[in-house]
């Protein structure tokens, strides 16, 4: 299933086992943890703002993944 020419959405839609979804969630959570840890360190203001912006983007991506999974689960119940 590791076809890198497919978009993330296409890969998620074709992921019947949930393996790819779990992999993406795990990677996003790891990135979130690293960014949270990095945000606690002393940085220049501009660097801190970039870290916080990246952290917000990752959290938004996690929320989007959750919505996507909910939509897929909803469609499967129809």
N, C-alpha and C. Protein backbone atom coordinates (compact mmCIF):
# COMPACT_ATOMS: atom_id res chain seq x y z
N UNK A 1 0.80 -1.19 0.00
CA UNK A 1 0.00 0.00 0.00
C UNK A 1 0.84 1.26 0.00
N UNK A 2 2.12 1.18 0.16
CA UNK A 2 3.00 2.34 0.21
C UNK A 2 3.23 2.91 -1.19
N UNK A 3 2.24 3.58 -1.74
CA UNK A 3 2.35 4.21 -3.04
C UNK A 3 2.46 5.70 -2.82
N UNK A 4 3.67 6.24 -2.94
CA UNK A 4 3.92 7.64 -2.61
C UNK A 4 3.37 8.60 -3.66
N UNK A 5 2.90 8.09 -4.81
CA UNK A 5 2.35 8.98 -5.81
C UNK A 5 0.91 9.38 -5.48
N UNK A 6 0.29 8.68 -4.54
CA UNK A 6 -1.06 9.04 -4.11
C UNK A 6 -1.01 10.16 -3.09
N UNK A 7 -2.03 11.00 -3.07
CA UNK A 7 -2.11 12.04 -2.06
C UNK A 7 -2.45 11.40 -0.72
N UNK A 8 -2.26 12.15 0.34
CA UNK A 8 -2.60 11.65 1.68
C UNK A 8 -4.08 11.29 1.73
N UNK A 9 -4.92 12.14 1.16
CA UNK A 9 -6.35 11.86 1.17
C UNK A 9 -6.66 10.56 0.44
N UNK A 10 -6.06 10.37 -0.73
CA UNK A 10 -6.29 9.14 -1.49
C UNK A 10 -5.81 7.91 -0.71
N UNK A 11 -4.68 8.05 -0.05
CA UNK A 11 -4.15 6.94 0.72
C UNK A 11 -5.05 6.64 1.92
N UNK A 12 -5.58 7.67 2.56
CA UNK A 12 -6.49 7.46 3.69
C UNK A 12 -7.79 6.81 3.22
N UNK A 13 -8.30 7.26 2.10
CA UNK A 13 -9.55 6.69 1.58
C UNK A 13 -9.39 5.22 1.19
N UNK A 14 -8.20 4.86 0.72
CA UNK A 14 -7.98 3.47 0.29
C UNK A 14 -7.46 2.58 1.43
N UNK A 15 -7.30 3.16 2.60
CA UNK A 15 -6.76 2.44 3.77
C UNK A 15 -7.87 1.65 4.45
N UNK A 16 -8.07 0.44 4.02
CA UNK A 16 -9.16 -0.39 4.56
C UNK A 16 -8.84 -0.95 5.94
N UNK A 17 -7.57 -1.10 6.27
CA UNK A 17 -7.17 -1.68 7.56
C UNK A 17 -6.98 -0.64 8.66
N UNK A 18 -6.84 0.63 8.28
CA UNK A 18 -6.57 1.68 9.25
C UNK A 18 -5.10 1.82 9.59
N UNK A 19 -4.26 1.02 8.96
CA UNK A 19 -2.82 1.04 9.24
C UNK A 19 -2.20 2.39 8.89
N UNK A 20 -2.52 2.90 7.70
CA UNK A 20 -1.94 4.18 7.27
C UNK A 20 -2.43 5.31 8.17
N UNK A 21 -3.70 5.28 8.52
CA UNK A 21 -4.27 6.30 9.40
C UNK A 21 -3.55 6.31 10.75
N UNK A 22 -3.35 5.13 11.32
CA UNK A 22 -2.64 5.04 12.61
C UNK A 22 -1.21 5.56 12.48
N UNK A 23 -0.58 5.27 11.36
CA UNK A 23 0.79 5.74 11.12
C UNK A 23 0.84 7.27 11.06
N UNK A 24 -0.10 7.87 10.36
CA UNK A 24 -0.16 9.33 10.24
C UNK A 24 -0.44 9.96 11.61
N UNK A 25 -1.42 9.40 12.35
CA UNK A 25 -1.71 9.91 13.69
C UNK A 25 -0.48 9.85 14.58
N UNK A 26 0.22 8.73 14.54
CA UNK A 26 1.41 8.56 15.37
C UNK A 26 2.47 9.60 15.02
N UNK A 27 2.69 9.81 13.73
CA UNK A 27 3.68 10.80 13.31
C UNK A 27 3.28 12.21 13.74
N UNK A 28 2.00 12.54 13.59
CA UNK A 28 1.54 13.87 14.00
C UNK A 28 1.68 14.07 15.50
N UNK A 29 1.34 13.05 16.29
CA UNK A 29 1.49 13.15 17.75
C UNK A 29 2.95 13.32 18.14
N UNK A 30 3.85 12.61 17.46
CA UNK A 30 5.28 12.75 17.75
C UNK A 30 5.77 14.16 17.44
N UNK A 31 5.33 14.69 16.31
CA UNK A 31 5.70 16.06 15.94
C UNK A 31 5.15 17.05 16.96
N UNK A 32 3.89 16.85 17.35
CA UNK A 32 3.27 17.73 18.34
C UNK A 32 4.07 17.72 19.65
N UNK A 33 4.45 16.55 20.10
CA UNK A 33 5.23 16.43 21.33
C UNK A 33 6.57 17.15 21.22
N UNK A 34 7.26 16.96 20.10
CA UNK A 34 8.55 17.65 19.90
C UNK A 34 8.38 19.16 19.90
N UNK A 35 7.34 19.64 19.22
CA UNK A 35 7.10 21.08 19.17
C UNK A 35 6.72 21.63 20.54
N UNK A 36 5.91 20.91 21.28
CA UNK A 36 5.52 21.34 22.63
C UNK A 36 6.75 21.43 23.52
N UNK A 37 7.61 20.44 23.43
CA UNK A 37 8.85 20.43 24.21
C UNK A 37 9.74 21.60 23.80
N UNK A 38 9.85 21.82 22.50
CA UNK A 38 10.70 22.90 22.00
C UNK A 38 10.15 24.27 22.41
N UNK A 39 8.83 24.40 22.45
CA UNK A 39 8.20 25.68 22.80
C UNK A 39 8.49 26.06 24.25
N UNK A 40 8.78 25.08 25.09
CA UNK A 40 9.07 25.36 26.49
C UNK A 40 10.49 25.91 26.70
N UNK A 41 11.32 25.77 25.70
CA UNK A 41 12.70 26.24 25.81
C UNK A 41 12.76 27.74 25.53
N UNK A 42 13.86 28.32 25.94
CA UNK A 42 14.07 29.74 25.72
C UNK A 42 14.53 29.98 24.29
N UNK A 43 13.76 30.76 23.54
CA UNK A 43 14.08 31.08 22.15
C UNK A 43 13.85 32.56 21.93
N UNK A 44 14.39 33.05 20.83
CA UNK A 44 14.07 34.40 20.39
C UNK A 44 12.57 34.45 20.10
N UNK A 45 11.99 35.60 20.26
CA UNK A 45 10.54 35.74 20.09
C UNK A 45 10.08 35.23 18.73
N UNK A 46 10.79 35.58 17.66
CA UNK A 46 10.38 35.15 16.32
C UNK A 46 10.44 33.63 16.18
N UNK A 47 11.44 33.02 16.77
CA UNK A 47 11.56 31.56 16.72
C UNK A 47 10.42 30.91 17.49
N UNK A 48 10.12 31.46 18.67
CA UNK A 48 9.03 30.93 19.48
C UNK A 48 7.70 31.04 18.73
N UNK A 49 7.47 32.14 18.05
CA UNK A 49 6.23 32.33 17.28
C UNK A 49 6.13 31.29 16.16
N UNK A 50 7.25 30.99 15.52
CA UNK A 50 7.25 29.99 14.45
C UNK A 50 6.97 28.60 15.01
N UNK A 51 7.53 28.30 16.15
CA UNK A 51 7.29 27.01 16.79
C UNK A 51 5.82 26.88 17.16
N UNK A 52 5.25 27.93 17.75
CA UNK A 52 3.85 27.90 18.14
C UNK A 52 2.93 27.79 16.91
N UNK A 53 3.31 28.46 15.82
CA UNK A 53 2.52 28.36 14.59
C UNK A 53 2.57 26.94 14.04
N UNK A 54 3.73 26.33 14.07
CA UNK A 54 3.86 24.95 13.61
C UNK A 54 3.06 24.01 14.50
N UNK A 55 3.11 24.25 15.79
CA UNK A 55 2.35 23.44 16.74
C UNK A 55 0.85 23.55 16.46
N UNK A 56 0.38 24.74 16.20
CA UNK A 56 -1.03 24.96 15.87
C UNK A 56 -1.41 24.23 14.59
N UNK A 57 -0.54 24.27 13.59
CA UNK A 57 -0.80 23.57 12.33
C UNK A 57 -0.90 22.06 12.55
N UNK A 58 -0.03 21.52 13.37
CA UNK A 58 -0.05 20.08 13.64
C UNK A 58 -1.32 19.70 14.41
N UNK A 59 -1.68 20.49 15.39
CA UNK A 59 -2.91 20.23 16.15
C UNK A 59 -4.12 20.29 15.22
N UNK A 60 -4.11 21.24 14.31
CA UNK A 60 -5.20 21.35 13.33
C UNK A 60 -5.23 20.12 12.42
N UNK A 61 -4.08 19.63 12.04
CA UNK A 61 -3.99 18.43 11.20
C UNK A 61 -4.55 17.22 11.94
N UNK A 62 -4.26 17.11 13.21
CA UNK A 62 -4.79 16.01 14.02
C UNK A 62 -6.31 16.10 14.07
N UNK A 63 -6.84 17.30 14.29
CA UNK A 63 -8.29 17.48 14.33
C UNK A 63 -8.91 17.14 12.98
N UNK A 64 -8.27 17.51 11.90
CA UNK A 64 -8.76 17.20 10.57
C UNK A 64 -8.78 15.69 10.33
N UNK A 65 -7.74 15.01 10.78
CA UNK A 65 -7.69 13.55 10.66
C UNK A 65 -8.86 12.92 11.43
N UNK A 66 -9.14 13.43 12.61
CA UNK A 66 -10.24 12.90 13.41
C UNK A 66 -11.58 13.11 12.70
N UNK A 67 -11.76 14.29 12.11
CA UNK A 67 -12.99 14.56 11.36
C UNK A 67 -13.10 13.64 10.14
N UNK A 68 -11.99 13.44 9.46
CA UNK A 68 -11.96 12.57 8.29
C UNK A 68 -12.37 11.16 8.69
N UNK A 69 -11.80 10.65 9.77
CA UNK A 69 -12.14 9.30 10.23
C UNK A 69 -13.61 9.21 10.63
N UNK A 70 -14.12 10.25 11.27
CA UNK A 70 -15.53 10.25 11.65
C UNK A 70 -16.42 10.22 10.41
N UNK A 71 -16.05 10.98 9.40
CA UNK A 71 -16.83 11.01 8.16
C UNK A 71 -16.79 9.65 7.46
N UNK A 72 -15.62 9.03 7.45
CA UNK A 72 -15.50 7.71 6.82
C UNK A 72 -16.35 6.70 7.59
N UNK A 73 -16.27 6.74 8.91
CA UNK A 73 -17.06 5.82 9.73
C UNK A 73 -18.57 6.06 9.52
N UNK A 74 -18.96 7.31 9.39
CA UNK A 74 -20.36 7.65 9.15
C UNK A 74 -20.83 7.09 7.81
N UNK A 75 -20.00 7.26 6.79
CA UNK A 75 -20.34 6.76 5.45
C UNK A 75 -20.46 5.24 5.44
N UNK A 76 -19.62 4.56 6.20
CA UNK A 76 -19.65 3.10 6.23
C UNK A 76 -20.92 2.59 6.90
N UNK A 77 -21.52 3.36 7.80
CA UNK A 77 -22.73 2.94 8.50
C UNK A 77 -23.99 3.09 7.64
N UNK A 78 -23.91 3.91 6.61
CA UNK A 78 -25.09 4.16 5.77
C UNK A 78 -25.52 2.90 5.04
